[in-house]
Amino acid sequence: MDTIGVQKFQFHSNRSTITFQTSDIAWVIDFVIHLKDKVKVLEPPFLVEDVKNTIKKISSLYES
């Protein structure tokens, strides 16, 4: 967790919340995509949308 600068980690029966700060939004998007369905971005709203848009772009590569 130290490698991504985690400031806050909460664990609630099979669910965890990780909070950290970064100026590298592209890295965060890549990190989330790498973790696949094991994570969900909750906030900020712009990051939620950026992740959704990236997933849509990836999905469109596989459409017939």
N, C-alpha and C. Protein backbone atom coordinates (compact mmCIF):
# COMPACT_ATOMS: atom_id res chain seq x y z
N MET A 1 0.81 -1.19 0.00
CA MET A 1 0.00 0.00 0.00
C MET A 1 0.86 1.26 0.00
N ASP A 2 2.02 1.18 0.59
CA ASP A 2 2.89 2.35 0.62
C ASP A 2 3.31 2.80 -0.77
N THR A 3 3.41 1.85 -1.71
CA THR A 3 3.88 2.21 -3.04
C THR A 3 2.91 3.10 -3.79
N ILE A 4 1.63 3.09 -3.42
CA ILE A 4 0.67 3.98 -4.08
C ILE A 4 0.27 5.14 -3.18
N GLY A 5 0.93 5.29 -2.06
CA GLY A 5 0.68 6.42 -1.19
C GLY A 5 -0.67 6.38 -0.49
N VAL A 6 -1.07 5.20 -0.06
CA VAL A 6 -2.37 5.07 0.61
C VAL A 6 -2.37 5.88 1.90
N GLN A 7 -3.37 6.73 2.02
CA GLN A 7 -3.52 7.55 3.21
C GLN A 7 -4.53 6.96 4.18
N LYS A 8 -5.42 6.16 3.63
CA LYS A 8 -6.50 5.66 4.47
C LYS A 8 -6.93 4.30 3.93
N PHE A 9 -7.02 3.31 4.79
CA PHE A 9 -7.47 1.98 4.40
C PHE A 9 -8.51 1.54 5.40
N GLN A 10 -9.68 1.18 4.91
CA GLN A 10 -10.75 0.69 5.78
C GLN A 10 -11.20 -0.67 5.29
N PHE A 11 -11.39 -1.57 6.20
CA PHE A 11 -11.87 -2.91 5.86
C PHE A 11 -13.19 -3.15 6.56
N HIS A 12 -14.21 -3.55 5.78
CA HIS A 12 -15.53 -3.82 6.32
C HIS A 12 -16.03 -5.14 5.75
N SER A 13 -15.89 -6.22 6.47
CA SER A 13 -16.37 -7.56 6.09
C SER A 13 -16.44 -7.77 4.58
N ASN A 14 -15.36 -8.19 4.02
CA ASN A 14 -15.23 -8.48 2.60
C ASN A 14 -15.20 -7.24 1.70
N ARG A 15 -15.23 -6.07 2.25
CA ARG A 15 -15.15 -4.85 1.44
C ARG A 15 -14.10 -3.94 2.05
N SER A 16 -13.34 -3.31 1.20
CA SER A 16 -12.30 -2.40 1.66
C SER A 16 -12.41 -1.10 0.92
N THR A 17 -11.97 -0.03 1.56
CA THR A 17 -11.91 1.29 0.94
C THR A 17 -10.48 1.78 1.04
N ILE A 18 -9.94 2.18 -0.11
CA ILE A 18 -8.60 2.74 -0.15
C ILE A 18 -8.70 4.18 -0.64
N THR A 19 -8.08 5.08 0.10
CA THR A 19 -8.06 6.49 -0.28
C THR A 19 -6.62 6.93 -0.45
N PHE A 20 -6.33 7.57 -1.59
CA PHE A 20 -4.99 8.11 -1.80
C PHE A 20 -5.06 9.30 -2.74
N GLN A 21 -4.01 10.08 -2.78
CA GLN A 21 -3.94 11.26 -3.65
C GLN A 21 -2.85 11.06 -4.69
N THR A 22 -3.13 11.53 -5.90
CA THR A 22 -2.14 11.51 -6.96
C THR A 22 -2.49 12.57 -7.99
N SER A 23 -1.50 13.03 -8.70
CA SER A 23 -1.76 13.95 -9.80
C SER A 23 -1.74 13.21 -11.14
N ASP A 24 -1.45 11.92 -11.11
CA ASP A 24 -1.34 11.11 -12.32
C ASP A 24 -2.63 10.31 -12.53
N ILE A 25 -3.63 10.96 -13.08
CA ILE A 25 -4.95 10.34 -13.26
C ILE A 25 -4.86 9.15 -14.22
N ALA A 26 -4.04 9.26 -15.26
CA ALA A 26 -3.89 8.15 -16.21
C ALA A 26 -3.39 6.91 -15.49
N TRP A 27 -2.48 7.07 -14.55
CA TRP A 27 -1.96 5.93 -13.79
C TRP A 27 -3.08 5.28 -12.97
N VAL A 28 -3.92 6.10 -12.36
CA VAL A 28 -5.02 5.56 -11.55
C VAL A 28 -5.97 4.76 -12.43
N ILE A 29 -6.29 5.29 -13.61
CA ILE A 29 -7.18 4.57 -14.53
C ILE A 29 -6.56 3.23 -14.92
N ASP A 30 -5.28 3.24 -15.27
CA ASP A 30 -4.59 1.99 -15.61
C ASP A 30 -4.60 1.01 -14.44
N PHE A 31 -4.38 1.52 -13.24
CA PHE A 31 -4.38 0.69 -12.03
C PHE A 31 -5.73 0.03 -11.83
N VAL A 32 -6.80 0.80 -11.97
CA VAL A 32 -8.16 0.28 -11.79
C VAL A 32 -8.46 -0.77 -12.86
N ILE A 33 -8.12 -0.48 -14.11
CA ILE A 33 -8.35 -1.43 -15.20
C ILE A 33 -7.58 -2.73 -14.95
N HIS A 34 -6.37 -2.60 -14.47
CA HIS A 34 -5.53 -3.77 -14.18
C HIS A 34 -6.19 -4.67 -13.12
N LEU A 35 -6.87 -4.08 -12.17
CA LEU A 35 -7.51 -4.85 -11.10
C LEU A 35 -8.86 -5.44 -11.51
N LYS A 36 -9.29 -5.11 -12.71
CA LYS A 36 -10.50 -5.67 -13.33
C LYS A 36 -11.73 -5.51 -12.44
N ASP A 37 -12.43 -6.61 -12.19
CA ASP A 37 -13.68 -6.56 -11.44
C ASP A 37 -13.48 -6.65 -9.93
N LYS A 38 -12.25 -6.49 -9.50
CA LYS A 38 -11.96 -6.56 -8.06
C LYS A 38 -12.07 -5.20 -7.37
N VAL A 39 -12.25 -4.15 -8.16
CA VAL A 39 -12.35 -2.81 -7.59
C VAL A 39 -13.48 -2.02 -8.25
N LYS A 40 -13.90 -0.99 -7.56
CA LYS A 40 -14.89 -0.06 -8.09
C LYS A 40 -14.51 1.33 -7.61
N VAL A 41 -14.40 2.25 -8.56
CA VAL A 41 -14.12 3.64 -8.20
C VAL A 41 -15.40 4.27 -7.68
N LEU A 42 -15.32 4.87 -6.50
CA LEU A 42 -16.49 5.50 -5.90
C LEU A 42 -16.51 7.01 -6.10
N GLU A 43 -15.34 7.61 -6.07
CA GLU A 43 -15.21 9.05 -6.26
C GLU A 43 -13.77 9.40 -6.53
N PRO A 44 -13.51 10.52 -7.08
CA PRO A 44 -14.38 11.62 -7.49
C PRO A 44 -15.16 11.26 -8.77
N PRO A 45 -16.25 11.96 -8.99
CA PRO A 45 -17.11 11.66 -10.14
C PRO A 45 -16.37 11.67 -11.49
N PHE A 46 -15.45 12.59 -11.67
CA PHE A 46 -14.74 12.63 -12.96
C PHE A 46 -13.92 11.36 -13.17
N LEU A 47 -13.39 10.78 -12.11
CA LEU A 47 -12.61 9.55 -12.25
C LEU A 47 -13.52 8.37 -12.57
N VAL A 48 -14.68 8.33 -11.95
CA VAL A 48 -15.67 7.30 -12.27
C VAL A 48 -15.98 7.34 -13.76
N GLU A 49 -16.23 8.52 -14.30
CA GLU A 49 -16.54 8.67 -15.73
C GLU A 49 -15.35 8.32 -16.61
N ASP A 50 -14.15 8.72 -16.21
CA ASP A 50 -12.96 8.40 -16.99
C ASP A 50 -12.74 6.89 -17.07
N VAL A 51 -12.96 6.20 -15.96
CA VAL A 51 -12.80 4.74 -15.96
C VAL A 51 -13.87 4.10 -16.84
N LYS A 52 -15.11 4.56 -16.72
CA LYS A 52 -16.18 4.04 -17.57
C LYS A 52 -15.86 4.23 -19.05
N ASN A 53 -15.39 5.41 -19.41
CA ASN A 53 -15.07 5.70 -20.81
C ASN A 53 -13.94 4.82 -21.31
N THR A 54 -12.95 4.57 -20.47
CA THR A 54 -11.84 3.71 -20.86
C THR A 54 -12.33 2.28 -21.08
N ILE A 55 -13.19 1.81 -20.19
CA ILE A 55 -13.74 0.46 -20.34
C ILE A 55 -14.55 0.36 -21.63
N LYS A 56 -15.33 1.39 -21.94
CA LYS A 56 -16.11 1.39 -23.20
C LYS A 56 -15.20 1.34 -24.41
N LYS A 57 -14.09 2.07 -24.37
CA LYS A 57 -13.13 2.05 -25.49
C LYS A 57 -12.54 0.66 -25.67
N ILE A 58 -12.17 0.02 -24.55
CA ILE A 58 -11.62 -1.33 -24.61
C ILE A 58 -12.67 -2.29 -25.17
N SER A 59 -13.89 -2.18 -24.68
CA SER A 59 -14.97 -3.06 -25.13
C SER A 59 -15.23 -2.90 -26.63
N SER A 60 -15.14 -1.69 -27.12
CA SER A 60 -15.42 -1.44 -28.53
C SER A 60 -14.40 -2.13 -29.45
N LEU A 61 -13.22 -2.40 -28.93
CA LEU A 61 -12.20 -3.11 -29.72
C LEU A 61 -12.63 -4.53 -30.04
N TYR A 62 -13.54 -5.10 -29.24
CA TYR A 62 -13.95 -6.48 -29.38
C TYR A 62 -15.34 -6.64 -29.99
N GLU A 63 -15.94 -5.55 -30.39
CA GLU A 63 -17.25 -5.62 -31.02
C GLU A 63 -17.08 -6.05 -32.47
N SER A 64 -18.02 -6.82 -32.95
CA SER A 64 -17.94 -7.32 -34.34
C SER A 64 -18.37 -6.27 -35.33
